[in-house]
């Protein structure tokens, strides 16, 4: 019963955070949506910040070990082709996030984007404390693909690439509807990502 209650709270919080954002979602709204009392939330999570972190932890615990495996096996190629190859190798791990919830990939990126745009500093600390080795390895691999791009320039390129990715994933439902209406093209979330990878790759790797 306790496990079911905890899962219900996580699912409710995740849905509301993705829809409304972290700051605009109150604990009372979460308890109403999950049909539990505030004492249950406090018992299982202690605070709203911890609840936010635990919502994302469900995804990171599936994703990061797979990223580690991909990065361990990846053969670095310099330039845009290398970046594109790297990002394509990360698509399959991203798609496994449906193990957590239906449409898990979209939800995860929306949640990550919320933390990014709402300046949830505790989330960055949580990610770097819990998964910092994987993040550092990913960034190091990108740098090995782009040895001629200096560190500050790479920061900006990755910032803009992440923004494109978050926006595209957050609006993926609208994109699929437009593709169907305007081009008679039926696409799913994986197809959206596959369209986006070359664009993001060449944005990161292109000349200044």
Protein backbone atom coordinates (compact mmCIF):
# COMPACT_ATOMS: atom_id res chain seq x y z
CA UNK A 1 0.00 0.00 0.00
CA UNK A 2 2.79 2.41 0.90
CA UNK A 3 4.53 1.67 -2.39
CA UNK A 4 1.31 2.29 -4.33
CA UNK A 5 0.80 5.60 -2.52
CA UNK A 6 4.35 6.69 -3.29
CA UNK A 7 3.94 5.80 -6.97
CA UNK A 8 0.62 7.67 -7.15
CA UNK A 9 2.26 10.78 -5.71
CA UNK A 10 5.18 10.55 -8.15
CA UNK A 11 2.85 10.10 -11.12
CA UNK A 12 0.64 12.98 -10.08
CA UNK A 13 3.57 15.29 -9.40
CA UNK A 14 5.22 14.37 -12.70
CA UNK A 15 2.07 15.12 -14.71
CA UNK A 16 1.49 18.44 -12.97
CA UNK A 17 5.13 19.54 -13.10
CA UNK A 18 5.23 18.86 -16.84
CA UNK A 19 1.97 20.74 -17.45
CA UNK A 20 2.31 23.67 -15.05
CA UNK A 21 5.95 23.87 -14.09
CA UNK A 22 7.58 23.32 -10.71
CA UNK A 23 7.02 26.75 -9.25
CA UNK A 24 3.32 26.91 -10.18
CA UNK A 25 2.46 23.45 -8.87
CA UNK A 26 1.58 23.48 -5.18
CA UNK A 27 1.80 20.53 -2.83
CA UNK A 28 -1.94 20.88 -2.25
CA UNK A 29 -2.59 20.51 -5.97
CA UNK A 30 -0.45 17.37 -6.03
CA UNK A 31 -2.25 15.82 -3.05
CA UNK A 32 -5.64 16.54 -4.63
CA UNK A 33 -4.57 15.05 -7.96
CA UNK A 34 -3.09 11.96 -6.29
CA UNK A 35 -6.01 11.67 -3.86
CA UNK A 36 -3.72 11.51 -0.82
CA UNK A 37 -3.17 13.74 2.19
CA UNK A 38 -0.24 16.06 2.75
CA UNK A 39 1.12 13.85 5.52
CA UNK A 40 1.65 11.06 2.96
CA UNK A 41 3.71 13.35 0.74
CA UNK A 42 5.79 14.55 3.67
CA UNK A 43 6.31 10.98 4.86
CA UNK A 44 7.54 9.68 1.50
CA UNK A 45 9.44 12.75 0.24
CA UNK A 46 9.90 15.29 3.00
CA UNK A 47 9.88 18.37 0.78
CA UNK A 48 8.84 19.63 -2.62
CA UNK A 49 12.47 19.82 -3.77
CA UNK A 50 13.03 16.20 -2.90
CA UNK A 51 9.80 15.23 -4.68
CA UNK A 52 10.99 17.03 -7.83
CA UNK A 53 14.30 15.20 -7.67
CA UNK A 54 12.66 11.82 -7.13
CA UNK A 55 10.38 12.37 -10.13
CA UNK A 56 13.42 12.82 -12.35
CA UNK A 57 15.41 10.09 -10.61
CA UNK A 58 13.05 7.45 -11.99
CA UNK A 59 14.16 8.43 -15.49
CA UNK A 60 17.83 9.09 -14.81
CA UNK A 61 18.25 5.68 -13.15
CA UNK A 62 17.19 4.03 -16.42
CA UNK A 63 18.92 6.48 -18.77
CA UNK A 64 22.36 7.09 -17.30
CA UNK A 65 23.63 3.49 -17.15
CA UNK A 66 22.74 3.17 -20.83
CA UNK A 67 24.55 6.42 -21.62
CA UNK A 68 27.59 5.06 -19.79
CA UNK A 69 27.56 1.96 -21.97
CA UNK A 70 27.18 3.96 -25.19
CA UNK A 71 29.99 6.34 -24.26
CA UNK A 72 32.27 3.45 -23.27
CA UNK A 73 31.86 1.87 -26.70
CA UNK A 74 31.76 5.04 -28.80
CA UNK A 75 34.57 5.55 -31.32
CA UNK A 76 35.25 9.26 -31.62
CA UNK A 77 35.13 10.87 -35.05
CA UNK A 78 35.99 14.54 -35.38
CA UNK A 79 33.57 17.13 -36.67
CA UNK A 80 29.84 17.24 -37.28
CA UNK A 81 29.69 13.62 -38.40
CA UNK A 82 31.15 12.54 -35.09
CA UNK A 83 28.65 14.62 -33.12
CA UNK A 84 25.77 13.30 -35.22
CA UNK A 85 26.94 9.73 -34.71
CA UNK A 86 27.18 10.31 -30.96
CA UNK A 87 23.71 11.78 -30.69
CA UNK A 88 22.19 9.04 -32.84
CA UNK A 89 23.68 6.45 -30.50
CA UNK A 90 21.83 8.11 -27.60
CA UNK A 91 18.40 7.91 -29.24
CA UNK A 92 17.71 4.29 -28.32
CA UNK A 93 18.39 4.87 -24.61
CA UNK A 94 16.07 7.89 -24.70
CA UNK A 95 13.27 5.77 -26.13
CA UNK A 96 13.47 3.28 -23.25
CA UNK A 97 12.06 5.91 -20.88
CA UNK A 98 8.57 4.68 -21.74
CA UNK A 99 9.37 2.00 -19.15
CA UNK A 100 8.62 4.60 -16.49
CA UNK A 101 5.43 6.08 -17.94
CA UNK A 102 3.66 6.09 -21.31
CA UNK A 103 5.22 8.91 -23.37
CA UNK A 104 8.10 8.84 -20.91
CA UNK A 105 10.60 10.35 -23.33
CA UNK A 106 8.51 13.46 -23.91
CA UNK A 107 7.68 13.79 -20.22
CA UNK A 108 11.29 13.48 -19.17
CA UNK A 109 12.49 16.20 -21.54
CA UNK A 110 9.61 18.48 -20.56
CA UNK A 111 10.53 18.02 -16.90
CA UNK A 112 14.19 18.65 -17.66
CA UNK A 113 13.24 21.73 -19.65
CA UNK A 114 11.13 23.04 -16.78
CA UNK A 115 14.12 22.80 -14.49
CA UNK A 116 16.28 24.52 -17.08
CA UNK A 117 13.93 27.46 -17.72
CA UNK A 118 12.73 27.91 -14.14
CA UNK A 119 16.27 28.00 -12.73
CA UNK A 120 15.80 25.10 -10.34
CA UNK A 121 19.35 25.22 -9.00
CA UNK A 122 18.82 22.27 -6.68
CA UNK A 123 18.17 20.08 -9.73
CA UNK A 124 21.56 20.85 -11.22
CA UNK A 125 23.20 19.99 -7.91
CA UNK A 126 21.20 16.78 -7.70
CA UNK A 127 22.11 15.74 -11.25
CA UNK A 128 25.79 16.54 -10.85
CA UNK A 129 25.99 14.82 -7.46
CA UNK A 130 24.17 11.68 -8.54
CA UNK A 131 25.13 11.43 -12.22
CA UNK A 132 28.02 13.84 -12.60
CA UNK A 133 30.45 11.22 -13.90
CA UNK A 134 28.17 10.39 -16.83
CA UNK A 135 27.55 14.06 -17.62
CA UNK A 136 31.29 14.77 -17.52
CA UNK A 137 31.99 11.80 -19.80
CA UNK A 138 29.39 12.98 -22.31
CA UNK A 139 30.83 16.49 -22.40
CA UNK A 140 34.37 15.12 -22.70
CA UNK A 141 33.30 12.96 -25.64
CA UNK A 142 31.74 15.96 -27.38
CA UNK A 143 34.98 17.90 -26.83
CA UNK A 144 37.02 15.08 -28.34
CA UNK A 145 34.82 15.27 -31.42
CA UNK A 146 35.41 19.04 -31.60
CA UNK A 147 39.00 19.66 -30.51
CA UNK A 148 39.18 22.99 -32.41
CA UNK A 149 36.19 24.58 -30.65
CA UNK A 150 37.20 26.43 -27.51
CA UNK A 151 35.44 25.76 -24.22
CA UNK A 152 33.39 28.92 -23.91
CA UNK A 153 32.15 28.70 -27.51
CA UNK A 154 31.19 25.07 -26.97
CA UNK A 155 29.22 26.09 -23.87
CA UNK A 156 27.07 28.47 -25.92
CA UNK A 157 26.56 25.98 -28.72
CA UNK A 158 25.48 23.27 -26.31
CA UNK A 159 23.19 25.71 -24.51
CA UNK A 160 21.40 26.60 -27.75
CA UNK A 161 21.29 22.95 -28.84
CA UNK A 162 19.69 21.96 -25.53
CA UNK A 163 17.17 24.76 -25.92
CA UNK A 164 16.22 23.50 -29.38
CA UNK A 165 15.89 19.97 -28.09
CA UNK A 166 13.74 20.93 -25.11
CA UNK A 167 11.46 23.15 -27.21
CA UNK A 168 11.02 20.52 -29.91
CA UNK A 169 10.24 17.78 -27.41
CA UNK A 170 7.88 19.98 -25.41
CA UNK A 171 5.96 20.79 -28.61
CA UNK A 172 6.27 17.32 -30.14
CA UNK A 173 2.51 16.76 -30.13
CA UNK A 174 1.95 19.94 -32.14
CA UNK A 175 4.80 19.02 -34.52
CA UNK A 176 3.31 15.60 -35.23
CA UNK A 177 -0.09 17.17 -35.92
CA UNK A 178 1.43 19.75 -38.30
CA UNK A 179 3.41 17.06 -40.12
CA UNK A 180 0.22 15.07 -40.60
CA UNK A 181 -1.92 18.03 -41.69
CA UNK A 182 0.59 19.81 -43.95
CA UNK A 183 2.72 16.99 -45.35
CA UNK A 184 0.57 13.87 -44.80
CA UNK A 185 3.50 12.50 -42.78
CA UNK A 186 2.79 10.30 -39.77
CA UNK A 187 5.57 10.71 -37.21
CA UNK A 188 6.13 9.59 -33.65
CA UNK A 189 8.46 10.99 -31.01
CA UNK A 190 11.41 9.00 -32.32
CA UNK A 191 10.89 10.47 -35.79
CA UNK A 192 10.88 13.98 -34.31
CA UNK A 193 14.20 13.27 -32.62
CA UNK A 194 15.68 11.79 -35.79
CA UNK A 195 14.72 14.92 -37.73
CA UNK A 196 16.30 17.08 -35.04
CA UNK A 197 19.64 15.29 -34.60
CA UNK A 198 21.33 16.53 -37.83
CA UNK A 199 20.19 20.11 -37.15
CA UNK A 200 21.51 20.11 -33.59
CA UNK A 201 24.70 18.28 -34.57
CA UNK A 202 25.70 20.78 -37.22
CA UNK A 203 24.72 23.66 -34.96
CA UNK A 204 27.17 22.44 -32.33
CA UNK A 205 29.93 21.53 -34.76
CA UNK A 206 29.61 24.24 -37.40
CA UNK A 207 32.10 27.07 -37.94
CA UNK A 208 31.88 30.11 -35.71
